[in-house]
Amino acid sequence: MKMRFSSYLALAIVSLGLMRETLAQAQTFSVLYEFGSKTGDPLNPWFPGTIAQGRDGNLYSTTPQGGGVGRGAMFRITPKGTLSVLDSFDSAPLSGLTLGTDGNFYGTTSGGESAQLGTVFRITRGGTVTVLHNFAGPDGAYPTASPVEGTDGNFYGTTEEGGTNSLGTVYKITPSGKLTTLHSFFDNTHGEFPIAPLVQGTDGNFYGTTFQEDGVVYKISPSGKLTVLHHFNASQGAYITAPLIQGSDGNFYGTTTGDGIIGGTVFKITAAGKFTVLRKLHGVGEGPVLVAGLVQASDGNFYGTTTSGGTAQEGSLFRISPKKPYPYKILYSFDGTTGQDPYVTLIQHTNGILYGDTDIGGIGGGVFYSLNVGLKPFVALVSSSGKVGQTIEILGQGFKGTTAVSFNGTAASFKVVSSTYLTAKVPSGATTGFVTVTTAKRNLRSSKKFRVL
């Protein structure tokens, strides 16, 4: 039986105070904001709900409910928890937001506009929305994920339905709004209903997953050539909702949801398709249902969430190592008052702290929270590859008084725009490696290597 993600998740879950802090083994969990505290607040963050760090050091995302008309909102929240609603939607934006190299954010709605089949939009930091494309069915329908910017400056994404066979599409869209359908999914063997965001690998291809019970991991070239890398079976977990992430070792990592009976899994897959289950979650404590993906933090470990499990059976935060024997540890258990059902993938801010949100809990509309596991500040690259002479954008903090920027040890010219944002030109002679920003107080190294093209 085929069902859309929202219907499945509701069935799966049926089968199963502001600034509160919990200290546990050298980490600090904090509820930064309870959604619904004010009239017009965003409500009930939903998958994928991607959270993006902006040039100003604040965090940005969307919710499919709340806002001025009750059908969703874009919000900004500071790392300390001050929240502002920047725009209200009437078409349920599930996607969250991704940051473009132009400083704007990009996302999708799953309905709205002329055909009511969804849109791709651009939104400024101040909340000005531009609809780039209205889906009509043959070109896709009901996009769940936000598009991601490729190295060519175009954006790439998926729609859950629509296309030639109504089983979903992969698309490319230019910043001006010209959309090209790269692939229409056509049968279970090759995948159906892609709902997760794509990730561009260091080889230039995009990697993604499809949702249906025996879904697939696939790669697709920027021109639209799709290759199925892996077909899931019941022993490897049911239903794939989460995006992939490319680890520092070049492999891709992800999760399978599970269905309350079949436990969810954490897995690794190579670019060639070699698949390994790192952990199969089971039992009451661990919780068998994973919806969100993973984030690889600056310590090299992966962090994620479960939507069941933990001591109160209302979700948990966990850490898993990419190294054998893949040690796994629950770091925090939600208890309802501190949130419940964390569906959204965590983000690590350049201050070193992990941030996320929950669908419900708190006073009812979910919470925005942080988890500080003691990791140091670093810098993040808006683009992780480029050519010599290309201007690269760098996010961080404490940039006022910066004295040097280097690409794998080669000095670069730079311009400090603000305390949280600077640009640098890839210098002649630069080689692939980490970017280092020398500030008045410390050296800040990038969390990922910059690849010189």
Protein backbone atom coordinates (compact mmCIF):
# COMPACT_ATOMS: atom_id res chain seq x y z
CA MET A 1 0.00 0.00 0.00
CA LYS A 2 1.32 3.43 -0.91
CA MET A 3 0.74 6.43 1.32
CA ARG A 4 2.10 9.94 1.55
CA PHE A 5 4.58 10.64 4.32
CA SER A 6 2.24 12.69 6.50
CA SER A 7 -0.32 9.89 6.57
CA TYR A 8 2.27 7.24 7.35
CA LEU A 9 3.90 9.19 10.17
CA ALA A 10 0.62 9.87 11.89
CA LEU A 11 -0.11 6.14 11.95
CA ALA A 12 3.39 5.26 13.12
CA ILE A 13 3.25 7.65 16.04
CA VAL A 14 -0.21 6.45 17.05
CA SER A 15 1.33 3.00 17.30
CA LEU A 16 3.82 3.98 19.62
CA GLY A 17 8.75 26.17 30.86
CA LEU A 18 10.94 28.59 29.12
CA MET A 19 14.76 28.14 29.41
CA ARG A 20 14.52 24.87 31.28
CA GLU A 21 17.94 23.27 31.50
CA THR A 22 19.00 19.69 32.11
CA LEU A 23 22.59 18.82 32.96
CA ALA A 24 23.78 15.35 32.04
CA GLN A 25 27.34 14.18 31.65
CA ALA A 26 28.95 17.46 30.56
CA GLN A 27 26.19 18.59 28.21
CA THR A 28 23.53 21.24 28.66
CA PHE A 29 20.05 21.05 27.14
CA SER A 30 18.06 24.29 27.06
CA VAL A 31 14.55 25.14 25.90
CA LEU A 32 15.13 28.49 24.21
CA TYR A 33 11.58 29.22 23.07
CA GLU A 34 8.13 27.67 23.39
CA PHE A 35 6.17 28.07 20.16
CA GLY A 36 2.75 29.55 20.85
CA SER A 37 3.96 31.86 23.61
CA LYS A 38 2.72 34.84 21.60
CA THR A 39 -0.17 35.48 19.23
CA GLY A 40 0.89 34.76 15.63
CA ASP A 41 3.79 32.54 16.65
CA PRO A 42 5.06 29.76 14.38
CA LEU A 43 3.65 26.39 15.46
CA ASN A 44 4.46 22.69 15.16
CA PRO A 45 7.74 22.44 13.21
CA TRP A 46 7.48 19.48 10.84
CA PHE A 47 9.80 17.39 8.70
CA PRO A 48 12.05 18.33 7.05
CA GLY A 49 11.91 21.90 8.46
CA THR A 50 15.56 22.58 7.60
CA ILE A 51 17.18 25.16 9.89
CA ALA A 52 19.69 27.52 8.27
CA GLN A 53 22.27 29.83 9.82
CA GLY A 54 22.19 33.27 8.19
CA ARG A 55 24.96 35.73 7.54
CA ASP A 56 23.91 37.59 10.70
CA GLY A 57 24.53 34.56 12.92
CA ASN A 58 20.82 33.96 13.59
CA LEU A 59 18.88 30.82 12.71
CA TYR A 60 16.03 30.72 10.19
CA SER A 61 13.32 28.18 9.36
CA THR A 62 9.61 27.70 8.66
CA THR A 63 6.66 25.97 10.26
CA PRO A 64 3.54 24.63 8.46
CA GLN A 65 1.18 26.09 11.06
CA GLY A 66 0.87 29.31 13.00
CA GLY A 67 1.68 32.77 11.76
CA GLY A 68 -0.85 35.47 11.01
CA VAL A 69 -3.31 33.26 9.12
CA GLY A 70 -2.55 29.92 10.76
CA ARG A 71 -1.06 28.28 7.67
CA GLY A 72 2.62 28.66 8.42
CA ALA A 73 5.37 31.14 9.10
CA MET A 74 9.01 32.00 8.49
CA PHE A 75 10.86 32.79 11.69
CA ARG A 76 14.23 34.02 12.89
CA ILE A 77 15.63 33.07 16.27
CA THR A 78 18.83 34.23 17.90
CA PRO A 79 21.22 31.71 19.48
CA LYS A 80 19.93 32.91 22.87
CA GLY A 81 16.26 32.40 21.98
CA THR A 82 14.76 35.73 20.86
CA LEU A 83 12.22 34.86 18.15
CA SER A 84 10.74 37.05 15.40
CA VAL A 85 8.10 36.10 12.81
CA LEU A 86 9.27 37.50 9.46
CA ASP A 87 6.45 36.33 7.19
CA SER A 88 3.16 34.45 7.35
CA PHE A 89 2.19 31.90 4.69
CA ASP A 90 -1.16 30.54 3.54
CA SER A 91 0.25 27.34 2.05
CA ALA A 92 1.97 25.24 4.74
CA PRO A 93 5.75 25.46 4.16
CA LEU A 94 7.12 22.12 5.41
CA SER A 95 10.58 22.56 3.94
CA GLY A 96 12.39 24.92 6.22
CA LEU A 97 15.06 27.02 4.51
CA THR A 98 18.48 26.77 2.89
CA LEU A 99 20.89 29.69 2.60
CA GLY A 100 21.93 30.74 -0.88
CA THR A 101 25.20 32.38 -1.84
CA ASP A 102 23.20 35.55 -2.55
CA GLY A 103 22.34 35.81 1.16
CA ASN A 104 18.68 34.94 0.59
CA PHE A 105 16.89 31.80 1.75
CA TYR A 106 15.15 29.24 -0.45
CA GLY A 107 12.29 26.89 0.36
CA THR A 108 9.09 25.29 -0.89
CA THR A 109 5.41 25.15 -0.01
CA SER A 110 3.41 21.96 -0.39
CA GLY A 111 0.35 23.82 -1.67
CA GLY A 112 -0.80 27.26 -2.67
CA GLU A 113 -0.73 29.50 -5.73
CA SER A 114 -2.61 28.77 -8.97
CA ALA A 115 -2.66 24.96 -9.11
CA GLN A 116 -2.46 24.41 -5.33
CA LEU A 117 0.35 21.90 -5.97
CA GLY A 118 3.17 23.80 -4.33
CA THR A 119 5.82 26.38 -5.05
CA VAL A 120 9.53 27.13 -4.90
CA PHE A 121 10.19 30.48 -3.27
CA ARG A 122 12.99 32.84 -2.32
CA ILE A 123 12.74 34.92 0.82
CA THR A 124 15.00 37.68 2.07
CA ARG A 125 16.30 37.98 5.60
CA GLY A 126 13.71 40.69 6.11
CA GLY A 127 10.82 38.48 4.97
CA THR A 128 10.16 39.59 1.36
CA VAL A 129 8.92 36.56 -0.58
CA THR A 130 9.32 35.92 -4.31
CA VAL A 131 7.59 32.87 -5.83
CA LEU A 132 10.02 31.39 -8.34
CA HIS A 133 7.82 28.55 -9.64
CA ASN A 134 4.30 27.17 -9.33
CA PHE A 135 4.09 23.41 -9.80
CA ALA A 136 1.36 22.21 -12.16
CA GLY A 137 1.58 18.39 -11.92
CA PRO A 138 3.58 17.21 -14.94
CA ASP A 139 6.57 19.20 -13.65
CA GLY A 140 6.07 17.98 -10.07
CA ALA A 141 3.66 18.37 -7.16
CA TYR A 142 3.71 18.76 -3.38
CA PRO A 143 7.40 19.51 -2.73
CA THR A 144 8.39 18.72 0.84
CA ALA A 145 12.08 19.65 0.88
CA SER A 146 13.86 22.93 0.29
CA PRO A 147 16.13 23.03 -2.77
CA VAL A 148 19.92 23.10 -2.31
CA GLU A 149 22.33 25.26 -4.27
CA GLY A 150 24.71 23.41 -6.55
CA THR A 151 28.25 24.41 -7.46
CA ASP A 152 26.86 25.76 -10.76
CA GLY A 153 24.71 28.33 -8.93
CA ASN A 154 21.42 26.60 -9.73
CA PHE A 155 19.15 24.99 -7.13
CA TYR A 156 18.19 21.31 -7.05
CA GLY A 157 15.26 19.69 -5.26
CA THR A 158 12.53 17.07 -5.25
CA THR A 159 8.75 16.88 -5.31
CA GLU A 160 6.91 14.14 -3.46
CA GLU A 161 4.41 13.57 -6.27
CA GLY A 162 3.80 14.71 -9.82
CA GLY A 163 5.91 14.10 -12.89
CA THR A 164 5.17 11.72 -15.74
CA ASN A 165 3.96 8.94 -13.45
CA SER A 166 2.80 10.97 -10.42
CA LEU A 167 5.51 9.32 -8.30
CA GLY A 168 7.70 12.36 -7.77
CA THR A 169 10.45 14.29 -9.52
CA VAL A 170 13.94 15.73 -9.23
CA TYR A 171 14.19 19.28 -10.60
CA LYS A 172 16.69 22.05 -11.27
CA ILE A 173 15.70 25.70 -10.97
CA THR A 174 17.72 28.81 -11.75
CA PRO A 175 17.79 31.76 -9.31
CA SER A 176 15.49 33.57 -11.76
CA GLY A 177 12.93 30.74 -11.68
CA LYS A 178 13.46 28.67 -14.84
CA LEU A 179 12.63 25.07 -13.83
CA THR A 180 13.79 21.90 -15.58
CA THR A 181 12.50 18.46 -14.59
CA LEU A 182 15.58 16.24 -14.46
CA HIS A 183 13.87 12.97 -13.59
CA SER A 184 10.39 11.53 -13.08
CA PHE A 185 10.26 8.47 -10.83
CA PHE A 186 8.36 5.64 -12.46
CA ASP A 187 8.31 2.46 -10.38
CA ASN A 188 9.14 0.93 -7.01
CA THR A 189 12.41 -0.57 -8.26
CA HIS A 190 13.78 2.85 -9.11
CA GLY A 191 12.15 4.70 -6.22
CA GLU A 192 8.88 6.44 -5.48
CA PHE A 193 7.92 9.60 -3.55
CA PRO A 194 11.17 11.48 -2.80
CA ILE A 195 10.58 13.73 0.19
CA ALA A 196 14.04 14.44 1.62
CA PRO A 197 16.38 17.24 0.56
CA LEU A 198 19.24 16.40 -1.80
CA VAL A 199 22.92 16.72 -0.96
CA GLN A 200 25.64 17.42 -3.53
CA GLY A 201 28.62 15.16 -3.16
CA THR A 202 32.23 16.14 -3.74
CA ASP A 203 32.00 14.33 -7.09
CA GLY A 204 29.42 16.86 -8.30
CA ASN A 205 26.49 14.44 -8.27
CA PHE A 206 23.46 14.83 -6.05
CA TYR A 207 22.41 12.09 -3.64
CA GLY A 208 18.95 11.42 -2.24
CA THR A 209 16.43 8.89 -0.95
CA THR A 210 12.87 7.87 -1.70
CA PHE A 211 10.28 7.35 0.97
CA GLN A 212 8.24 4.23 0.18
CA GLU A 213 8.65 1.23 2.49
CA ASP A 214 11.31 -0.44 0.35
CA GLY A 215 12.80 2.82 -0.85
CA VAL A 216 16.12 3.50 -2.46
CA VAL A 217 19.27 5.59 -2.21
CA TYR A 218 20.06 7.18 -5.56
CA LYS A 219 22.52 9.55 -7.16
CA ILE A 220 21.65 11.90 -9.99
CA SER A 221 23.94 14.00 -12.14
CA PRO A 222 23.24 17.71 -12.69
CA SER A 223 22.10 16.74 -16.20
CA GLY A 224 19.59 14.18 -14.89
CA LYS A 225 21.21 10.75 -15.16
CA LEU A 226 19.87 8.73 -12.21
CA THR A 227 21.50 5.64 -10.74
CA VAL A 228 19.98 3.54 -7.94
CA LEU A 229 22.73 2.77 -5.41
CA HIS A 230 20.78 0.70 -2.90
CA HIS A 231 17.34 -0.83 -2.47
CA PHE A 232 16.25 -1.23 1.15
CA ASN A 233 14.76 -4.39 2.62
CA ALA A 234 12.85 -4.94 5.86
CA SER A 235 15.95 -5.89 7.87
CA GLN A 236 17.54 -2.53 7.05
CA GLY A 237 14.61 -0.42 8.29
CA ALA A 238 11.37 0.71 6.73
CA TYR A 239 10.57 4.10 5.18
CA ILE A 240 13.32 6.59 4.41
CA THR A 241 12.43 10.16 5.27
CA ALA A 242 15.77 11.67 6.19
CA PRO A 243 18.27 13.44 3.97
CA LEU A 244 21.73 12.02 3.45
CA ILE A 245 24.83 13.80 4.67
CA GLN A 246 28.31 13.33 3.26
CA GLY A 247 30.72 12.64 6.07
CA SER A 248 34.29 13.85 6.35
CA ASP A 249 35.39 10.38 5.16
CA GLY A 250 33.53 10.84 1.84
CA ASN A 251 30.82 8.32 2.67
CA PHE A 252 27.14 9.19 3.01
CA TYR A 253 25.18 8.69 6.21
CA GLY A 254 21.46 8.61 6.92
CA THR A 255 18.60 7.08 8.86
CA THR A 256 15.56 4.96 8.13
CA THR A 257 12.36 5.75 9.94
CA GLY A 258 11.06 2.38 11.05
CA ASP A 259 7.34 1.82 11.46
CA GLY A 260 6.91 1.04 15.14
CA ILE A 261 7.45 -2.68 14.47
CA ILE A 262 10.50 -2.62 12.23
CA GLY A 263 13.10 -0.54 14.05
CA GLY A 264 14.75 2.42 12.40
CA THR A 265 18.42 2.31 11.53
CA VAL A 266 21.48 4.50 11.14
CA PHE A 267 23.38 3.56 7.99
CA LYS A 268 26.42 4.35 5.86
CA ILE A 269 26.66 4.06 2.09
CA THR A 270 29.58 4.73 -0.22
CA ALA A 271 29.30 6.65 -3.47
CA ALA A 272 29.57 3.28 -5.21
CA GLY A 273 26.64 1.83 -3.23
CA LYS A 274 28.31 -0.33 -0.55
CA PHE A 275 25.79 -0.30 2.30
CA THR A 276 26.38 -0.83 6.04
CA VAL A 277 23.92 -0.66 8.95
CA LEU A 278 25.72 1.07 11.82
CA ARG A 279 22.93 0.75 14.36
CA LYS A 280 19.46 -0.72 14.48
CA LEU A 281 17.38 0.98 17.15
CA HIS A 282 15.21 -1.24 19.24
CA GLY A 283 13.44 -1.44 22.54
CA VAL A 284 11.59 1.10 24.62
CA GLY A 285 14.61 3.13 25.67
CA GLU A 286 16.15 3.72 22.25
CA GLY A 287 12.89 4.24 20.41
CA PRO A 288 12.38 2.63 17.00
CA VAL A 289 11.22 5.68 15.04
CA LEU A 290 13.68 8.11 13.40
CA VAL A 291 12.42 10.86 11.12
CA ALA A 292 15.20 13.44 11.14
CA GLY A 293 18.58 13.01 9.52
CA LEU A 294 22.04 13.33 11.00
CA VAL A 295 24.47 16.20 11.44
CA GLN A 296 28.21 15.59 11.65
CA ALA A 297 29.50 17.95 14.29
CA SER A 298 32.98 19.41 14.50
CA ASP A 299 34.09 16.54 16.76
CA GLY A 300 33.51 14.06 13.90
CA ASN A 301 30.56 12.35 15.58
CA PHE A 302 27.03 12.26 14.20
CA TYR A 303 24.11 13.63 16.20
CA GLY A 304 20.43 12.91 15.64
CA THR A 305 16.99 12.54 17.17
CA THR A 306 14.37 9.85 17.67
CA THR A 307 10.65 10.63 17.82
CA SER A 308 10.00 7.93 20.36
CA GLY A 309 12.18 6.40 23.02
CA GLY A 310 14.02 8.03 25.85
CA THR A 311 12.96 7.72 29.45
CA ALA A 312 9.57 9.34 28.83
CA GLN A 313 8.99 7.77 25.39
CA GLU A 314 8.67 11.24 23.85
CA GLY A 315 11.89 11.37 21.88
CA SER A 316 15.60 11.60 22.44
CA LEU A 317 18.85 13.16 21.27
CA PHE A 318 21.67 10.75 20.48
CA ARG A 319 25.29 10.60 19.36
CA ILE A 320 26.84 7.88 17.18
CA SER A 321 30.44 7.48 16.08
CA PRO A 322 31.33 6.74 12.43
CA LYS A 323 34.12 4.46 13.65
CA LYS A 324 33.70 0.80 14.53
CA PRO A 325 32.10 -0.46 16.66
CA TYR A 326 29.95 2.69 16.12
CA PRO A 327 29.32 3.51 19.80
CA TYR A 328 25.87 5.00 20.38
CA LYS A 329 24.69 7.07 23.31
CA ILE A 330 21.43 8.78 24.28
CA LEU A 331 22.33 12.31 25.39
CA TYR A 332 18.92 13.66 26.36
CA SER A 333 15.33 12.42 26.74
CA PHE A 334 12.44 14.80 26.03
CA ASP A 335 9.67 14.79 28.63
CA GLY A 336 6.84 16.73 26.98
CA THR A 337 7.39 19.93 28.94
CA THR A 338 10.79 20.21 27.22
CA GLY A 339 9.39 19.13 23.85
CA GLN A 340 8.11 16.01 22.13
CA ASP A 341 8.57 14.48 18.66
CA PRO A 342 11.73 16.13 17.26
CA TYR A 343 11.24 15.66 13.51
CA VAL A 344 13.77 18.21 12.26
CA THR A 345 17.45 17.51 11.58
CA LEU A 346 19.81 19.26 14.00
CA ILE A 347 22.12 22.07 12.92
CA GLN A 348 25.44 22.89 14.51
CA HIS A 349 25.86 26.66 14.79
CA THR A 350 29.34 28.06 14.29
CA ASN A 351 29.39 28.77 18.04
CA GLY A 352 29.71 24.98 18.43
CA ILE A 353 26.21 24.42 19.89
CA LEU A 354 23.56 22.11 18.37
CA TYR A 355 20.06 23.50 17.75
CA GLY A 356 16.73 21.94 16.81
CA ASP A 357 12.99 22.04 17.39
CA THR A 358 10.11 19.72 18.24
CA ASP A 359 6.68 19.33 16.69
CA ILE A 360 4.75 19.43 19.96
CA GLY A 361 5.43 19.80 23.66
CA GLY A 362 6.18 22.83 25.77
CA ILE A 363 2.90 24.72 25.98
CA GLY A 364 1.64 22.75 22.97
CA GLY A 365 3.16 24.18 19.80
CA GLY A 366 6.60 22.65 20.16
CA VAL A 367 9.88 24.13 21.37
CA PHE A 368 13.13 25.44 19.94
CA TYR A 369 16.06 24.04 21.90
CA SER A 370 19.83 23.87 22.12
CA LEU A 371 22.22 21.11 23.16
CA ASN A 372 25.68 22.22 24.22
CA VAL A 373 28.10 19.28 24.27
CA GLY A 374 31.18 21.46 24.81
CA LEU A 375 32.36 21.83 21.21
CA LYS A 376 34.43 24.87 20.27
CA PRO A 377 33.49 27.60 17.76
CA PHE A 378 34.46 27.10 14.11
CA VAL A 379 33.73 28.65 10.73
CA ALA A 380 31.26 27.38 8.14
CA LEU A 381 31.67 27.67 4.37
CA VAL A 382 28.59 28.65 2.39
CA SER A 383 30.24 26.97 -0.62
CA SER A 384 32.59 24.06 0.06
CA SER A 385 34.33 24.21 -3.33
CA GLY A 386 35.48 26.79 -5.86
CA LYS A 387 38.14 27.92 -8.31
CA VAL A 388 41.18 30.11 -7.73
CA GLY A 389 40.05 33.73 -7.70
CA GLN A 390 36.47 32.90 -6.68
CA THR A 391 34.99 34.76 -3.72
CA ILE A 392 33.93 32.43 -0.91
CA GLU A 393 31.51 33.31 1.88
CA ILE A 394 32.37 32.35 5.45
CA LEU A 395 30.09 32.32 8.50
CA GLY A 396 31.25 32.48 12.10
CA GLN A 397 31.57 34.88 15.00
CA GLY A 398 34.07 37.38 16.37
CA PHE A 399 35.27 38.41 12.90
CA LYS A 400 35.87 42.05 13.83
CA GLY A 401 39.64 42.41 14.07
CA THR A 402 40.38 39.42 11.81
CA THR A 403 44.05 39.47 10.82
CA ALA A 404 44.32 36.56 8.37
CA VAL A 405 42.43 34.00 6.29
CA SER A 406 44.16 30.99 4.74
CA PHE A 407 43.15 28.11 2.50
CA ASN A 408 45.04 25.00 3.64
CA GLY A 409 47.86 27.25 4.78
CA THR A 410 47.92 29.60 1.76
CA ALA A 411 47.14 33.21 2.70
CA ALA A 412 44.09 34.80 1.08
CA SER A 413 42.76 38.32 0.68
CA PHE A 414 39.56 38.88 2.65
CA LYS A 415 36.87 41.39 3.56
CA VAL A 416 35.15 41.49 6.94
CA VAL A 417 31.50 42.40 6.33
CA SER A 418 30.25 41.94 9.90
CA SER A 419 31.20 40.17 13.10
CA THR A 420 29.47 37.02 11.78
CA TYR A 421 30.22 37.15 8.04
CA LEU A 422 33.27 37.67 5.83
CA THR A 423 34.35 36.90 2.28
CA ALA A 424 37.70 35.65 0.99
CA LYS A 425 39.17 34.97 -2.45
CA VAL A 426 40.61 31.54 -3.18
CA PRO A 427 44.33 32.35 -3.53
CA SER A 428 46.66 31.23 -6.26
CA GLY A 429 48.46 28.09 -5.16
CA ALA A 430 45.68 27.02 -2.78
CA THR A 431 45.07 23.32 -2.37
CA THR A 432 42.17 21.34 -0.98
CA GLY A 433 42.02 21.52 2.81
CA PHE A 434 40.63 23.43 5.77
CA VAL A 435 40.07 27.19 5.80
CA THR A 436 41.40 29.05 8.84
CA VAL A 437 40.30 32.49 10.04
CA THR A 438 42.62 34.21 12.53
CA THR A 439 40.74 36.60 14.79
CA ALA A 440 41.83 38.77 17.68
CA LYS A 441 40.97 36.01 20.15
CA ARG A 442 41.52 32.67 18.38
CA ASN A 443 42.08 30.68 15.23
CA LEU A 444 38.80 29.36 13.78
CA ARG A 445 39.00 26.37 11.44
CA SER A 446 36.30 25.33 9.00
CA SER A 447 34.28 22.25 9.90
CA LYS A 448 34.73 20.89 6.38
CA LYS A 449 37.56 20.90 3.88
CA PHE A 450 37.34 23.40 1.02
CA ARG A 451 37.84 21.70 -2.33
CA VAL A 452 39.83 23.68 -4.90
CA LEU A 453 38.41 22.97 -8.34
